[in-house]
Amino acid sequence: MHVYREILPESYLLILTGSHFTDAHTLQRALHRAGGSGKANIWIDCSEMSHPTTAVVELLGQFCKQVRSRGIELILCHLEEECQHAVQQLPTAAQPLVLATLLDASLYCRNLHFSTLPSVA
């Protein structure tokens, strides 16, 4: 597994690549960096992740729960059906938000940001 990162203005994007998603340690290091970035949102592009191990799915769930308690949203994008099913088996409090595309994640975060701005009378 290779993890590429892109630091965006309001979000931290991780792009998972490689044919095997068995290396939870590599993902854990990348998640740790993302969690300490100060960004309000962490997006993970999972377009190449079709057969995640139980350890990888559980790691995502633990990380989601951990960052959510700090007000950070974990968003998974481009999940194949098998991976989406595995994520849905996590306890509700540990389930990351799943959106179809990175554009959807961008729109979601923008709307979230605007909904928290104080209204001007």
PDB file of N, CA and C in Angstrom:
ATOM      1  N   MET A   1       0.847  -1.178   0.000  1.00  0.00           N
ATOM      2  CA  MET A   1       0.000   0.000   0.000  1.00  0.00           C
ATOM      3  C   MET A   1       0.889   1.236   0.000  1.00  0.00           C
ATOM      4  N   HIS A   2       0.515   2.196  -0.815  1.00  0.00           N
ATOM      5  CA  HIS A   2       1.166   3.494  -0.820  1.00  0.00           C
ATOM      6  C   HIS A   2       0.110   4.519  -0.459  1.00  0.00           C
ATOM      7  N   VAL A   3       0.497   5.510   0.307  1.00  0.00           N
ATOM      8  CA  VAL A   3      -0.429   6.571   0.687  1.00  0.00           C
ATOM      9  C   VAL A   3       0.178   7.897   0.253  1.00  0.00           C
ATOM     10  N   TYR A   4      -0.540   8.584  -0.607  1.00  0.00           N
ATOM     11  CA  TYR A   4      -0.119   9.908  -1.043  1.00  0.00           C
ATOM     12  C   TYR A   4      -0.979  10.921  -0.318  1.00  0.00           C
ATOM     13  N   ARG A   5      -0.433  12.086  -0.092  1.00  0.00           N
ATOM     14  CA  ARG A   5      -1.197  13.098   0.633  1.00  0.00           C
ATOM     15  C   ARG A   5      -1.205  14.401  -0.141  1.00  0.00           C
ATOM     16  N   GLU A   6      -2.262  15.129   0.075  1.00  0.00           N
ATOM     17  CA  GLU A   6      -2.422  16.453  -0.525  1.00  0.00           C
ATOM     18  C   GLU A   6      -3.044  17.330   0.556  1.00  0.00           C
ATOM     19  N   ILE A   7      -2.375  18.414   0.863  1.00  0.00           N
ATOM     20  CA  ILE A   7      -2.882  19.313   1.887  1.00  0.00           C
ATOM     21  C   ILE A   7      -3.661  20.414   1.182  1.00  0.00           C
ATOM     22  N   LEU A   8      -4.965  20.445   1.445  1.00  0.00           N
ATOM     23  CA  LEU A   8      -5.870  21.398   0.828  1.00  0.00           C
ATOM     24  C   LEU A   8      -6.183  22.512   1.826  1.00  0.00           C
ATOM     25  N   PRO A   9      -6.793  23.611   1.382  1.00  0.00           N
ATOM     26  CA  PRO A   9      -7.051  24.718   2.313  1.00  0.00           C
ATOM     27  C   PRO A   9      -7.817  24.321   3.582  1.00  0.00           C
ATOM     28  N   GLU A  10      -8.866  23.527   3.459  1.00  0.00           N
ATOM     29  CA  GLU A  10      -9.665  23.167   4.629  1.00  0.00           C
ATOM     30  C   GLU A  10      -9.605  21.676   4.963  1.00  0.00           C
ATOM     31  N   SER A  11      -8.946  20.907   4.124  1.00  0.00           N
ATOM     32  CA  SER A  11      -8.970  19.455   4.287  1.00  0.00           C
ATOM     33  C   SER A  11      -7.597  18.845   4.035  1.00  0.00           C
ATOM     34  N   TYR A  12      -7.464  17.612   4.472  1.00  0.00           N
ATOM     35  CA  TYR A  12      -6.242  16.833   4.266  1.00  0.00           C
ATOM     36  C   TYR A  12      -6.675  15.594   3.488  1.00  0.00           C
ATOM     37  N   LEU A  13      -6.137  15.406   2.306  1.00  0.00           N
ATOM     38  CA  LEU A  13      -6.528  14.301   1.433  1.00  0.00           C
ATOM     39  C   LEU A  13      -5.463  13.211   1.441  1.00  0.00           C
ATOM     40  N   LEU A  14      -5.907  11.989   1.688  1.00  0.00           N
ATOM     41  CA  LEU A  14      -5.046  10.816   1.568  1.00  0.00           C
ATOM     42  C   LEU A  14      -5.536  10.001   0.375  1.00  0.00           C
ATOM     43  N   ILE A  15      -4.618   9.610  -0.481  1.00  0.00           N
ATOM     44  CA  ILE A  15      -4.957   8.802  -1.645  1.00  0.00           C
ATOM     45  C   ILE A  15      -4.262   7.458  -1.468  1.00  0.00           C
ATOM     46  N   LEU A  16      -5.052   6.412  -1.339  1.00  0.00           N
ATOM     47  CA  LEU A  16      -4.511   5.066  -1.137  1.00  0.00           C
ATOM     48  C   LEU A  16      -4.312   4.408  -2.489  1.00  0.00           C
ATOM     49  N   THR A  17      -3.111   3.895  -2.727  1.00  0.00           N
ATOM     50  CA  THR A  17      -2.832   3.207  -3.985  1.00  0.00           C
ATOM     51  C   THR A  17      -2.110   1.896  -3.698  1.00  0.00           C
ATOM     52  N   GLY A  18      -2.080   1.052  -4.684  1.00  0.00           N
ATOM     53  CA  GLY A  18      -1.423  -0.242  -4.543  1.00  0.00           C
ATOM     54  C   GLY A  18      -2.444  -1.349  -4.671  1.00  0.00           C
ATOM     55  N   SER A  19      -1.971  -2.527  -4.906  1.00  0.00           N
ATOM     56  CA  SER A  19      -2.889  -3.639  -5.143  1.00  0.00           C
ATOM     57  C   SER A  19      -3.331  -4.344  -3.872  1.00  0.00           C
ATOM     58  N   HIS A  20      -2.587  -4.190  -2.788  1.00  0.00           N
ATOM     59  CA  HIS A  20      -2.938  -4.896  -1.548  1.00  0.00           C
ATOM     60  C   HIS A  20      -3.084  -3.907  -0.408  1.00  0.00           C
ATOM     61  N   PHE A  21      -4.156  -4.029   0.328  1.00  0.00           N
ATOM     62  CA  PHE A  21      -4.407  -3.136   1.449  1.00  0.00           C
ATOM     63  C   PHE A  21      -4.347  -3.943   2.735  1.00  0.00           C
ATOM     64  N   THR A  22      -3.159  -4.450   2.987  1.00  0.00           N
ATOM     65  CA  THR A  22      -2.952  -5.269   4.173  1.00  0.00           C
ATOM     66  C   THR A  22      -2.044  -4.588   5.175  1.00  0.00           C
ATOM     67  N   ASP A  23      -1.414  -3.495   4.779  1.00  0.00           N
ATOM     68  CA  ASP A  23      -0.433  -2.835   5.621  1.00  0.00           C
ATOM     69  C   ASP A  23      -1.090  -1.751   6.462  1.00  0.00           C
ATOM     70  N   ALA A  24      -1.645  -2.142   7.589  1.00  0.00           N
ATOM     71  CA  ALA A  24      -2.305  -1.188   8.468  1.00  0.00           C
ATOM     72  C   ALA A  24      -1.308  -0.204   9.061  1.00  0.00           C
ATOM     73  N   HIS A  25      -0.042  -0.603   9.197  1.00  0.00           N
ATOM     74  CA  HIS A  25       0.967   0.270   9.795  1.00  0.00           C
ATOM     75  C   HIS A  25       1.210   1.511   8.922  1.00  0.00           C
ATOM     76  N   THR A  26       1.327   1.334   7.613  1.00  0.00           N
ATOM     77  CA  THR A  26       1.524   2.460   6.702  1.00  0.00           C
ATOM     78  C   THR A  26       0.335   3.407   6.774  1.00  0.00           C
ATOM     79  N   LEU A  27      -0.864   2.850   6.772  1.00  0.00           N
ATOM     80  CA  LEU A  27      -2.071   3.662   6.859  1.00  0.00           C
ATOM     81  C   LEU A  27      -2.144   4.377   8.207  1.00  0.00           C
ATOM     82  N   GLN A  28      -1.777   3.693   9.268  1.00  0.00           N
ATOM     83  CA  GLN A  28      -1.814   4.294  10.601  1.00  0.00           C
ATOM     84  C   GLN A  28      -0.903   5.517  10.675  1.00  0.00           C
ATOM     85  N   ARG A  29       0.287   5.423  10.127  1.00  0.00           N
ATOM     86  CA  ARG A  29       1.213   6.565  10.115  1.00  0.00           C
ATOM     87  C   ARG A  29       0.624   7.743   9.347  1.00  0.00           C
ATOM     88  N   ALA A  30       0.023   7.449   8.201  1.00  0.00           N
ATOM     89  CA  ALA A  30      -0.573   8.512   7.379  1.00  0.00           C
ATOM     90  C   ALA A  30      -1.762   9.154   8.103  1.00  0.00           C
ATOM     91  N   LEU A  31      -2.569   8.340   8.760  1.00  0.00           N
ATOM     92  CA  LEU A  31      -3.710   8.869   9.506  1.00  0.00           C
ATOM     93  C   LEU A  31      -3.247   9.732  10.673  1.00  0.00           C
ATOM     94  N   HIS A  32      -2.188   9.299  11.335  1.00  0.00           N
ATOM     95  CA  HIS A  32      -1.644  10.067  12.466  1.00  0.00           C
ATOM     96  C   HIS A  32      -1.213  11.460  11.992  1.00  0.00           C
ATOM     97  N   ARG A  33      -0.521  11.518  10.861  1.00  0.00           N
ATOM     98  CA  ARG A  33      -0.101  12.814  10.307  1.00  0.00           C
ATOM     99  C   ARG A  33      -1.307  13.667   9.944  1.00  0.00           C
ATOM    100  N   ALA A  34      -2.278  13.057   9.317  1.00  0.00           N
ATOM    101  CA  ALA A  34      -3.478  13.792   8.919  1.00  0.00           C
ATOM    102  C   ALA A  34      -4.215  14.331  10.141  1.00  0.00           C
ATOM    103  N   GLY A  35      -4.307  13.513  11.179  1.00  0.00           N
ATOM    104  CA  GLY A  35      -4.995  13.926  12.398  1.00  0.00           C
ATOM    105  C   GLY A  35      -4.312  15.077  13.109  1.00  0.00           C
ATOM    106  N   GLY A  36      -3.014  15.194  12.940  1.00  0.00           N
ATOM    107  CA  GLY A  36      -2.262  16.275  13.564  1.00  0.00           C
ATOM    108  C   GLY A  36      -2.067  17.484  12.669  1.00  0.00           C
ATOM    109  N   SER A  37      -2.720  17.505  11.523  1.00  0.00           N
ATOM    110  CA  SER A  37      -2.512  18.577  10.541  1.00  0.00           C
ATOM    111  C   SER A  37      -3.235  19.870  10.883  1.00  0.00           C
ATOM    112  N   GLY A  38      -4.200  19.799  11.764  1.00  0.00           N
ATOM    113  CA  GLY A  38      -4.984  20.991  12.084  1.00  0.00           C
ATOM    114  C   GLY A  38      -6.134  21.235  11.127  1.00  0.00           C
ATOM    115  N   LYS A  39      -6.322  20.350  10.168  1.00  0.00           N
ATOM    116  CA  LYS A  39      -7.423  20.501   9.210  1.00  0.00           C
ATOM    117  C   LYS A  39      -8.715  19.980   9.829  1.00  0.00           C
ATOM    118  N   ALA A  40      -9.835  20.572   9.435  1.00  0.00           N
ATOM    119  CA  ALA A  40     -11.141  20.200   9.985  1.00  0.00           C
ATOM    120  C   ALA A  40     -11.709  18.940   9.355  1.00  0.00           C
ATOM    121  N   ASN A  41     -11.166  18.552   8.207  1.00  0.00           N
ATOM    122  CA  ASN A  41     -11.669  17.391   7.472  1.00  0.00           C
ATOM    123  C   ASN A  41     -10.512  16.569   6.940  1.00  0.00           C
ATOM    124  N   ILE A  42     -10.698  15.265   6.981  1.00  0.00           N
ATOM    125  CA  ILE A  42      -9.731  14.348   6.379  1.00  0.00           C
ATOM    126  C   ILE A  42     -10.496  13.502   5.374  1.00  0.00           C
ATOM    127  N   TRP A  43     -10.073  13.585   4.129  1.00  0.00           N
ATOM    128  CA  TRP A  43     -10.692  12.813   3.061  1.00  0.00           C
ATOM    129  C   TRP A  43      -9.759  11.675   2.698  1.00  0.00           C
ATOM    130  N   ILE A  44     -10.335  10.519   2.423  1.00  0.00           N
ATOM    131  CA  ILE A  44      -9.541   9.387   1.942  1.00  0.00           C
ATOM    132  C   ILE A  44     -10.135   8.905   0.626  1.00  0.00           C
ATOM    133  N   ASP A  45      -9.320   8.947  -0.418  1.00  0.00           N
ATOM    134  CA  ASP A  45      -9.714   8.431  -1.726  1.00  0.00           C
ATOM    135  C   ASP A  45      -9.429   6.933  -1.719  1.00  0.00           C
ATOM    136  N   CYS A  46     -10.487   6.144  -1.714  1.00  0.00           N
ATOM    137  CA  CYS A  46     -10.368   4.684  -1.614  1.00  0.00           C
ATOM    138  C   CYS A  46     -10.642   4.000  -2.952  1.00  0.00           C
ATOM    139  N   SER A  47     -10.463   4.705  -4.053  1.00  0.00           N
ATOM    140  CA  SER A  47     -10.837   4.146  -5.355  1.00  0.00           C
ATOM    141  C   SER A  47     -10.082   2.874  -5.708  1.00  0.00           C
ATOM    142  N   GLU A  48      -8.905   2.668  -5.148  1.00  0.00           N
ATOM    143  CA  GLU A  48      -8.153   1.446  -5.447  1.00  0.00           C
ATOM    144  C   GLU A  48      -8.253   0.408  -4.335  1.00  0.00           C
ATOM    145  N   MET A  49      -9.038   0.682  -3.308  1.00  0.00           N
ATOM    146  CA  MET A  49      -9.131  -0.238  -2.175  1.00  0.00           C
ATOM    147  C   MET A  49     -10.361  -1.132  -2.350  1.00  0.00           C
ATOM    148  N   SER A  50     -10.157  -2.327  -2.868  1.00  0.00           N
ATOM    149  CA  SER A  50     -11.295  -3.209  -3.119  1.00  0.00           C
ATOM    150  C   SER A  50     -11.405  -4.338  -2.108  1.00  0.00           C
ATOM    151  N   HIS A  51     -10.314  -4.764  -1.517  1.00  0.00           N
ATOM    152  CA  HIS A  51     -10.350  -5.878  -0.574  1.00  0.00           C
ATOM    153  C   HIS A  51      -9.561  -5.523   0.693  1.00  0.00           C
ATOM    154  N   PRO A  52     -10.105  -4.612   1.503  1.00  0.00           N
ATOM    155  CA  PRO A  52      -9.358  -4.230   2.710  1.00  0.00           C
ATOM    156  C   PRO A  52      -9.386  -5.353   3.743  1.00  0.00           C
ATOM    157  N   THR A  53      -8.312  -5.454   4.498  1.00  0.00           N
ATOM    158  CA  THR A  53      -8.288  -6.437   5.573  1.00  0.00           C
ATOM    159  C   THR A  53      -9.140  -5.920   6.722  1.00  0.00           C
ATOM    160  N   THR A  54      -9.483  -6.818   7.616  1.00  0.00           N
ATOM    161  CA  THR A  54     -10.237  -6.432   8.810  1.00  0.00           C
ATOM    162  C   THR A  54      -9.450  -5.406   9.613  1.00  0.00           C
ATOM    163  N   ALA A  55      -8.141  -5.578   9.679  1.00  0.00           N
ATOM    164  CA  ALA A  55      -7.299  -4.641  10.436  1.00  0.00           C
ATOM    165  C   ALA A  55      -7.378  -3.233   9.858  1.00  0.00           C
ATOM    166  N   VAL A  56      -7.407  -3.100   8.541  1.00  0.00           N
ATOM    167  CA  VAL A  56      -7.487  -1.788   7.902  1.00  0.00           C
ATOM    168  C   VAL A  56      -8.845  -1.153   8.183  1.00  0.00           C
ATOM    169  N   VAL A  57      -9.918  -1.902   8.054  1.00  0.00           N
ATOM    170  CA  VAL A  57     -11.257  -1.373   8.315  1.00  0.00           C
ATOM    171  C   VAL A  57     -11.395  -0.962   9.778  1.00  0.00           C
ATOM    172  N   GLU A  58     -10.906  -1.791  10.689  1.00  0.00           N
ATOM    173  CA  GLU A  58     -10.972  -1.452  12.111  1.00  0.00           C
ATOM    174  C   GLU A  58     -10.134  -0.220  12.428  1.00  0.00           C
ATOM    175  N   LEU A  59      -8.989  -0.084  11.773  1.00  0.00           N
ATOM    176  CA  LEU A  59      -8.150   1.095  11.961  1.00  0.00           C
ATOM    177  C   LEU A  59      -8.893   2.355  11.529  1.00  0.00           C
ATOM    178  N   LEU A  60      -9.556   2.296  10.389  1.00  0.00           N
ATOM    179  CA  LEU A  60     -10.343   3.442   9.932  1.00  0.00           C
ATOM    180  C   LEU A  60     -11.439   3.788  10.931  1.00  0.00           C
ATOM    181  N   GLY A  61     -12.082   2.776  11.479  1.00  0.00           N
ATOM    182  CA  GLY A  61     -13.131   3.006  12.473  1.00  0.00           C
ATOM    183  C   GLY A  61     -12.597   3.628  13.754  1.00  0.00           C
ATOM    184  N   GLN A  62     -11.484   3.112  14.243  1.00  0.00           N
ATOM    185  CA  GLN A  62     -10.879   3.668  15.461  1.00  0.00           C
ATOM    186  C   GLN A  62     -10.445   5.112  15.237  1.00  0.00           C
ATOM    187  N   PHE A  63      -9.840   5.363  14.086  1.00  0.00           N
ATOM    188  CA  PHE A  63      -9.381   6.707  13.776  1.00  0.00           C
ATOM    189  C   PHE A  63     -10.567   7.661  13.654  1.00  0.00           C
ATOM    190  N   CYS A  64     -11.625   7.217  13.019  1.00  0.00           N
ATOM    191  CA  CYS A  64     -12.819   8.042  12.860  1.00  0.00           C
ATOM    192  C   CYS A  64     -13.354   8.469  14.223  1.00  0.00           C
ATOM    193  N   LYS A  65     -13.467   7.519  15.108  1.00  0.00           N
ATOM    194  CA  LYS A  65     -13.984   7.793  16.458  1.00  0.00           C
ATOM    195  C   LYS A  65     -13.063   8.782  17.184  1.00  0.00           C
ATOM    196  N   GLN A  66     -11.785   8.579  17.036  1.00  0.00           N
ATOM    197  CA  GLN A  66     -10.783   9.416  17.698  1.00  0.00           C
ATOM    198  C   GLN A  66     -10.843  10.859  17.194  1.00  0.00           C
ATOM    199  N   VAL A  67     -10.848  11.063  15.884  1.00  0.00           N
ATOM    200  CA  VAL A  67     -10.843  12.431  15.361  1.00  0.00           C
ATOM    201  C   VAL A  67     -12.200  13.100  15.496  1.00  0.00           C
ATOM    202  N   ARG A  68     -13.262  12.320  15.424  1.00  0.00           N
ATOM    203  CA  ARG A  68     -14.602  12.896  15.584  1.00  0.00           C
ATOM    204  C   ARG A  68     -14.748  13.524  16.966  1.00  0.00           C
ATOM    205  N   SER A  69     -14.123  12.907  17.973  1.00  0.00           N
ATOM    206  CA  SER A  69     -14.190  13.463  19.330  1.00  0.00           C
ATOM    207  C   SER A  69     -13.478  14.815  19.409  1.00  0.00           C
ATOM    208  N   ARG A  70     -12.622  15.096  18.430  1.00  0.00           N
ATOM    209  CA  ARG A  70     -11.903  16.378  18.376  1.00  0.00           C
ATOM    210  C   ARG A  70     -12.519  17.333  17.361  1.00  0.00           C
ATOM    211  N   GLY A  71     -13.683  16.968  16.817  1.00  0.00           N
ATOM    212  CA  GLY A  71     -14.383  17.836  15.875  1.00  0.00           C
ATOM    213  C   GLY A  71     -13.882  17.741  14.448  1.00  0.00           C
ATOM    214  N   ILE A  72     -13.170  16.680  14.121  1.00  0.00           N
ATOM    215  CA  ILE A  72     -12.646  16.475  12.765  1.00  0.00           C
ATOM    216  C   ILE A  72     -13.494  15.412  12.078  1.00  0.00           C
ATOM    217  N   GLU A  73     -13.872  15.683  10.841  1.00  0.00           N
ATOM    218  CA  GLU A  73     -14.699  14.750  10.078  1.00  0.00           C
ATOM    219  C   GLU A  73     -13.825  13.886   9.161  1.00  0.00           C
ATOM    220  N   LEU A  74     -13.993  12.568   9.238  1.00  0.00           N
ATOM    221  CA  LEU A  74     -13.312  11.630   8.348  1.00  0.00           C
ATOM    222  C   LEU A  74     -14.293  11.240   7.253  1.00  0.00           C
ATOM    223  N   ILE A  75     -13.883  11.449   6.002  1.00  0.00           N
ATOM    224  CA  ILE A  75     -14.761  11.179   4.869  1.00  0.00           C
ATOM    225  C   ILE A  75     -14.060  10.217   3.916  1.00  0.00           C
ATOM    226  N   LEU A  76     -14.722   9.106   3.623  1.00  0.00           N
ATOM    227  CA  LEU A  76     -14.205   8.127   2.662  1.00  0.00           C
ATOM    228  C   LEU A  76     -14.929   8.320   1.338  1.00  0.00           C
ATOM    229  N   CYS A  77     -14.178   8.350   0.250  1.00  0.00           N
ATOM    230  CA  CYS A  77     -14.748   8.556  -1.086  1.00  0.00           C
ATOM    231  C   CYS A  77     -14.318   7.434  -2.021  1.00  0.00           C
ATOM    232  N   HIS A  78     -15.128   7.212  -3.032  1.00  0.00           N
ATOM    233  CA  HIS A  78     -14.837   6.235  -4.082  1.00  0.00           C
ATOM    234  C   HIS A  78     -14.710   4.815  -3.527  1.00  0.00           C
ATOM    235  N   LEU A  79     -15.595   4.441  -2.616  1.00  0.00           N
ATOM    236  CA  LEU A  79     -15.546   3.094  -2.050  1.00  0.00           C
ATOM    237  C   LEU A  79     -16.253   2.093  -2.955  1.00  0.00           C
ATOM    238  N   GLU A  80     -15.606   0.979  -3.177  1.00  0.00           N
ATOM    239  CA  GLU A  80     -16.274  -0.116  -3.883  1.00  0.00           C
ATOM    240  C   GLU A  80     -17.270  -0.747  -2.920  1.00  0.00           C
ATOM    241  N   GLU A  81     -18.215  -1.479  -3.469  1.00  0.00           N
ATOM    242  CA  GLU A  81     -19.315  -2.032  -2.671  1.00  0.00           C
ATOM    243  C   GLU A  81     -18.823  -2.908  -1.519  1.00  0.00           C
ATOM    244  N   GLU A  82     -17.829  -3.745  -1.776  1.00  0.00           N
ATOM    245  CA  GLU A  82     -17.314  -4.640  -0.732  1.00  0.00           C
ATOM    246  C   GLU A  82     -16.727  -3.844   0.437  1.00  0.00           C
ATOM    247  N   CYS A  83     -15.987  -2.815   0.113  1.00  0.00           N
ATOM    248  CA  CYS A  83     -15.377  -1.982   1.141  1.00  0.00           C
ATOM    249  C   CYS A  83     -16.443  -1.193   1.895  1.00  0.00           C
ATOM    250  N   GLN A  84     -17.413  -0.673   1.173  1.00  0.00           N
ATOM    251  CA  GLN A  84     -18.496   0.071   1.811  1.00  0.00           C
ATOM    252  C   GLN A  84     -19.259  -0.826   2.785  1.00  0.00           C
ATOM    253  N   HIS A  85     -19.490  -2.045   2.392  1.00  0.00           N
ATOM    254  CA  HIS A  85     -20.177  -3.003   3.268  1.00  0.00           C
ATOM    255  C   HIS A  85     -19.358  -3.249   4.541  1.00  0.00           C
ATOM    256  N   ALA A  86     -18.056  -3.391   4.396  1.00  0.00           N
ATOM    257  CA  ALA A  86     -17.188  -3.619   5.561  1.00  0.00           C
ATOM    258  C   ALA A  86     -17.230  -2.429   6.512  1.00  0.00           C
ATOM    259  N   VAL A  87     -17.223  -1.217   5.976  1.00  0.00           N
ATOM    260  CA  VAL A  87     -17.277  -0.012   6.810  1.00  0.00           C
ATOM    261  C   VAL A  87     -18.621   0.074   7.533  1.00  0.00           C
ATOM    262  N   GLN A  88     -19.693  -0.330   6.867  1.00  0.00           N
ATOM    263  CA  GLN A  88     -21.021  -0.278   7.472  1.00  0.00           C
ATOM    264  C   GLN A  88     -21.181  -1.276   8.619  1.00  0.00           C
ATOM    265  N   GLN A  89     -20.277  -2.245   8.721  1.00  0.00           N
ATOM    266  CA  GLN A  89     -20.325  -3.214   9.807  1.00  0.00           C
ATOM    267  C   GLN A  89     -19.696  -2.675  11.090  1.00  0.00           C
ATOM    268  N   LEU A  90     -19.011  -1.539  10.988  1.00  0.00           N
ATOM    269  CA  LEU A  90     -18.417  -0.925  12.169  1.00  0.00           C
ATOM    270  C   LEU A  90     -19.524  -0.378  13.073  1.00  0.00           C
ATOM    271  N   PRO A  91     -19.246  -0.230  14.366  1.00  0.00           N
ATOM    272  CA  PRO A  91     -20.238   0.417  15.245  1.00  0.00           C
ATOM    273  C   PRO A  91     -20.559   1.813  14.707  1.00  0.00           C
ATOM    274  N   THR A  92     -21.770   2.257  14.890  1.00  0.00           N
ATOM    275  CA  THR A  92     -22.222   3.533  14.342  1.00  0.00           C
ATOM    276  C   THR A  92     -21.291   4.680  14.709  1.00  0.00           C
ATOM    277  N   ALA A  93     -20.826   4.731  15.941  1.00  0.00           N
ATOM    278  CA  ALA A  93     -19.947   5.821  16.386  1.00  0.00           C
ATOM    279  C   ALA A  93     -18.595   5.803  15.688  1.00  0.00           C
ATOM    280  N   ALA A  94     -18.235   4.679  15.078  1.00  0.00           N
ATOM    281  CA  ALA A  94     -16.937   4.537  14.433  1.00  0.00           C
ATOM    282  C   ALA A  94     -17.032   4.536  12.911  1.00  0.00           C
ATOM    283  N   GLN A  95     -18.220   4.786  12.373  1.00  0.00           N
ATOM    284  CA  GLN A  95     -18.387   4.766  10.916  1.00  0.00           C
ATOM    285  C   GLN A  95     -18.055   6.125  10.317  1.00  0.00           C
ATOM    286  N   PRO A  96     -17.051   6.179   9.458  1.00  0.00           N
ATOM    287  CA  PRO A  96     -16.756   7.434   8.763  1.00  0.00           C
ATOM    288  C   PRO A  96     -17.901   7.783   7.811  1.00  0.00           C
ATOM    289  N   LEU A  97     -17.980   9.034   7.456  1.00  0.00           N
ATOM    290  CA  LEU A  97     -18.936   9.461   6.447  1.00  0.00           C
ATOM    291  C   LEU A  97     -18.455   8.909   5.109  1.00  0.00           C
ATOM    292  N   VAL A  98     -19.368   8.326   4.338  1.00  0.00           N
ATOM    293  CA  VAL A  98     -19.024   7.773   3.028  1.00  0.00           C
ATOM    294  C   VAL A  98     -19.747   8.594   1.970  1.00  0.00           C
ATOM    295  N   LEU A  99     -18.977   9.185   1.062  1.00  0.00           N
ATOM    296  CA  LEU A  99     -19.528   9.960  -0.043  1.00  0.00           C
ATOM    297  C   LEU A  99     -18.993   9.392  -1.350  1.00  0.00           C
ATOM    298  N   ALA A 100     -19.737   9.611  -2.408  1.00  0.00           N
ATOM    299  CA  ALA A 100     -19.391   8.981  -3.689  1.00  0.00           C
ATOM    300  C   ALA A 100     -18.075   9.483  -4.267  1.00  0.00           C
ATOM    301  N   THR A 101     -17.858  10.796  -4.229  1.00  0.00           N
ATOM    302  CA  THR A 101     -16.686  11.361  -4.904  1.00  0.00           C
ATOM    303  C   THR A 101     -16.005  12.417  -4.043  1.00  0.00           C
ATOM    304  N   LEU A 102     -14.821  12.813  -4.448  1.00  0.00           N
ATOM    305  CA  LEU A 102     -14.122  13.906  -3.767  1.00  0.00           C
ATOM    306  C   LEU A 102     -14.855  15.229  -3.972  1.00  0.00           C
ATOM    307  N   LEU A 103     -15.517  15.398  -5.100  1.00  0.00           N
ATOM    308  CA  LEU A 103     -16.323  16.595  -5.328  1.00  0.00           C
ATOM    309  C   LEU A 103     -17.459  16.653  -4.310  1.00  0.00           C
ATOM    310  N   ASP A 104     -18.088  15.514  -4.053  1.00  0.00           N
ATOM    311  CA  ASP A 104     -19.137  15.465  -3.032  1.00  0.00           C
ATOM    312  C   ASP A 104     -18.582  15.841  -1.664  1.00  0.00           C
ATOM    313  N   ALA A 105     -17.374  15.386  -1.358  1.00  0.00           N
ATOM    314  CA  ALA A 105     -16.747  15.726  -0.081  1.00  0.00           C
ATOM    315  C   ALA A 105     -16.501  17.230  -0.005  1.00  0.00           C
ATOM    316  N   SER A 106     -16.037  17.818  -1.092  1.00  0.00           N
ATOM    317  CA  SER A 106     -15.796  19.249  -1.133  1.00  0.00           C
ATOM    318  C   SER A 106     -17.086  20.030  -0.906  1.00  0.00           C
ATOM    319  N   LEU A 107     -18.139  19.635  -1.591  1.00  0.00           N
ATOM    320  CA  LEU A 107     -19.430  20.316  -1.442  1.00  0.00           C
ATOM    321  C   LEU A 107     -19.982  20.138  -0.028  1.00  0.00           C
ATOM    322  N   TYR A 108     -19.867  18.940   0.516  1.00  0.00           N
ATOM    323  CA  TYR A 108     -20.329  18.671   1.879  1.00  0.00           C
ATOM    324  C   TYR A 108     -19.598  19.572   2.870  1.00  0.00           C
ATOM    325  N   CYS A 109     -18.294  19.646   2.771  1.00  0.00           N
ATOM    326  CA  CYS A 109     -17.506  20.443   3.706  1.00  0.00           C
ATOM    327  C   CYS A 109     -17.780  21.934   3.538  1.00  0.00           C
ATOM    328  N   ARG A 110     -17.958  22.374   2.313  1.00  0.00           N
ATOM    329  CA  ARG A 110     -18.280  23.783   2.074  1.00  0.00           C
ATOM    330  C   ARG A 110     -19.634  24.129   2.688  1.00  0.00           C
ATOM    331  N   ASN A 111     -20.633  23.273   2.478  1.00  0.00           N
ATOM    332  CA  ASN A 111     -21.951  23.513   3.061  1.00  0.00           C
ATOM    333  C   ASN A 111     -21.900  23.471   4.582  1.00  0.00           C
ATOM    334  N   LEU A 112     -21.113  22.553   5.113  1.00  0.00           N
ATOM    335  CA  LEU A 112     -20.949  22.461   6.563  1.00  0.00           C
ATOM    336  C   LEU A 112     -20.327  23.746   7.105  1.00  0.00           C
ATOM    337  N   HIS A 113     -19.322  24.242   6.397  1.00  0.00           N
ATOM    338  CA  HIS A 113     -18.650  25.471   6.815  1.00  0.00           C
ATOM    339  C   HIS A 113     -19.623  26.657   6.788  1.00  0.00           C
ATOM    340  N   PHE A 114     -20.396  26.781   5.722  1.00  0.00           N
ATOM    341  CA  PHE A 114     -21.322  27.902   5.626  1.00  0.00           C
ATOM    342  C   PHE A 114     -22.469  27.802   6.622  1.00  0.00           C
ATOM    343  N   SER A 115     -22.866  26.585   6.976  1.00  0.00           N
ATOM    344  CA  SER A 115     -23.956  26.436   7.947  1.00  0.00           C
ATOM    345  C   SER A 115     -23.510  26.790   9.368  1.00  0.00           C
ATOM    346  N   THR A 116     -22.190  26.814   9.623  1.00  0.00           N
ATOM    347  CA  THR A 116     -21.714  27.151  10.964  1.00  0.00           C
ATOM    348  C   THR A 116     -21.323  28.614  11.091  1.00  0.00           C
ATOM    349  N   LEU A 117     -21.346  29.360   9.987  1.00  0.00           N
ATOM    350  CA  LEU A 117     -21.032  30.781  10.052  1.00  0.00           C
ATOM    351  C   LEU A 117     -22.185  31.534  10.716  1.00  0.00           C
ATOM    352  N   PRO A 118     -21.880  32.543  11.527  1.00  0.00           N
ATOM    353  CA  PRO A 118     -22.963  33.318  12.136  1.00  0.00           C
ATOM    354  C   PRO A 118     -23.710  34.096  11.060  1.00  0.00           C
ATOM    355  N   SER A 119     -25.010  34.178  11.216  1.00  0.00           N
ATOM    356  CA  SER A 119     -25.805  34.910  10.227  1.00  0.00           C
ATOM    357  C   SER A 119     -25.692  36.410  10.485  1.00  0.00           C
ATOM    358  N   VAL A 120     -25.699  37.145   9.398  1.00  0.00           N
ATOM    359  CA  VAL A 120     -25.601  38.604   9.477  1.00  0.00           C
ATOM    360  C   VAL A 120     -26.997  39.168   9.263  1.00  0.00           C
ATOM    361  N   ALA A 121     -27.431  39.994  10.181  1.00  0.00           N
ATOM    362  CA  ALA A 121     -28.787  40.549  10.085  1.00  0.00           C
ATOM    363  C   ALA A 121     -28.802  41.863   9.368  1.00  0.00           C
TER     364      ALA A 121
END
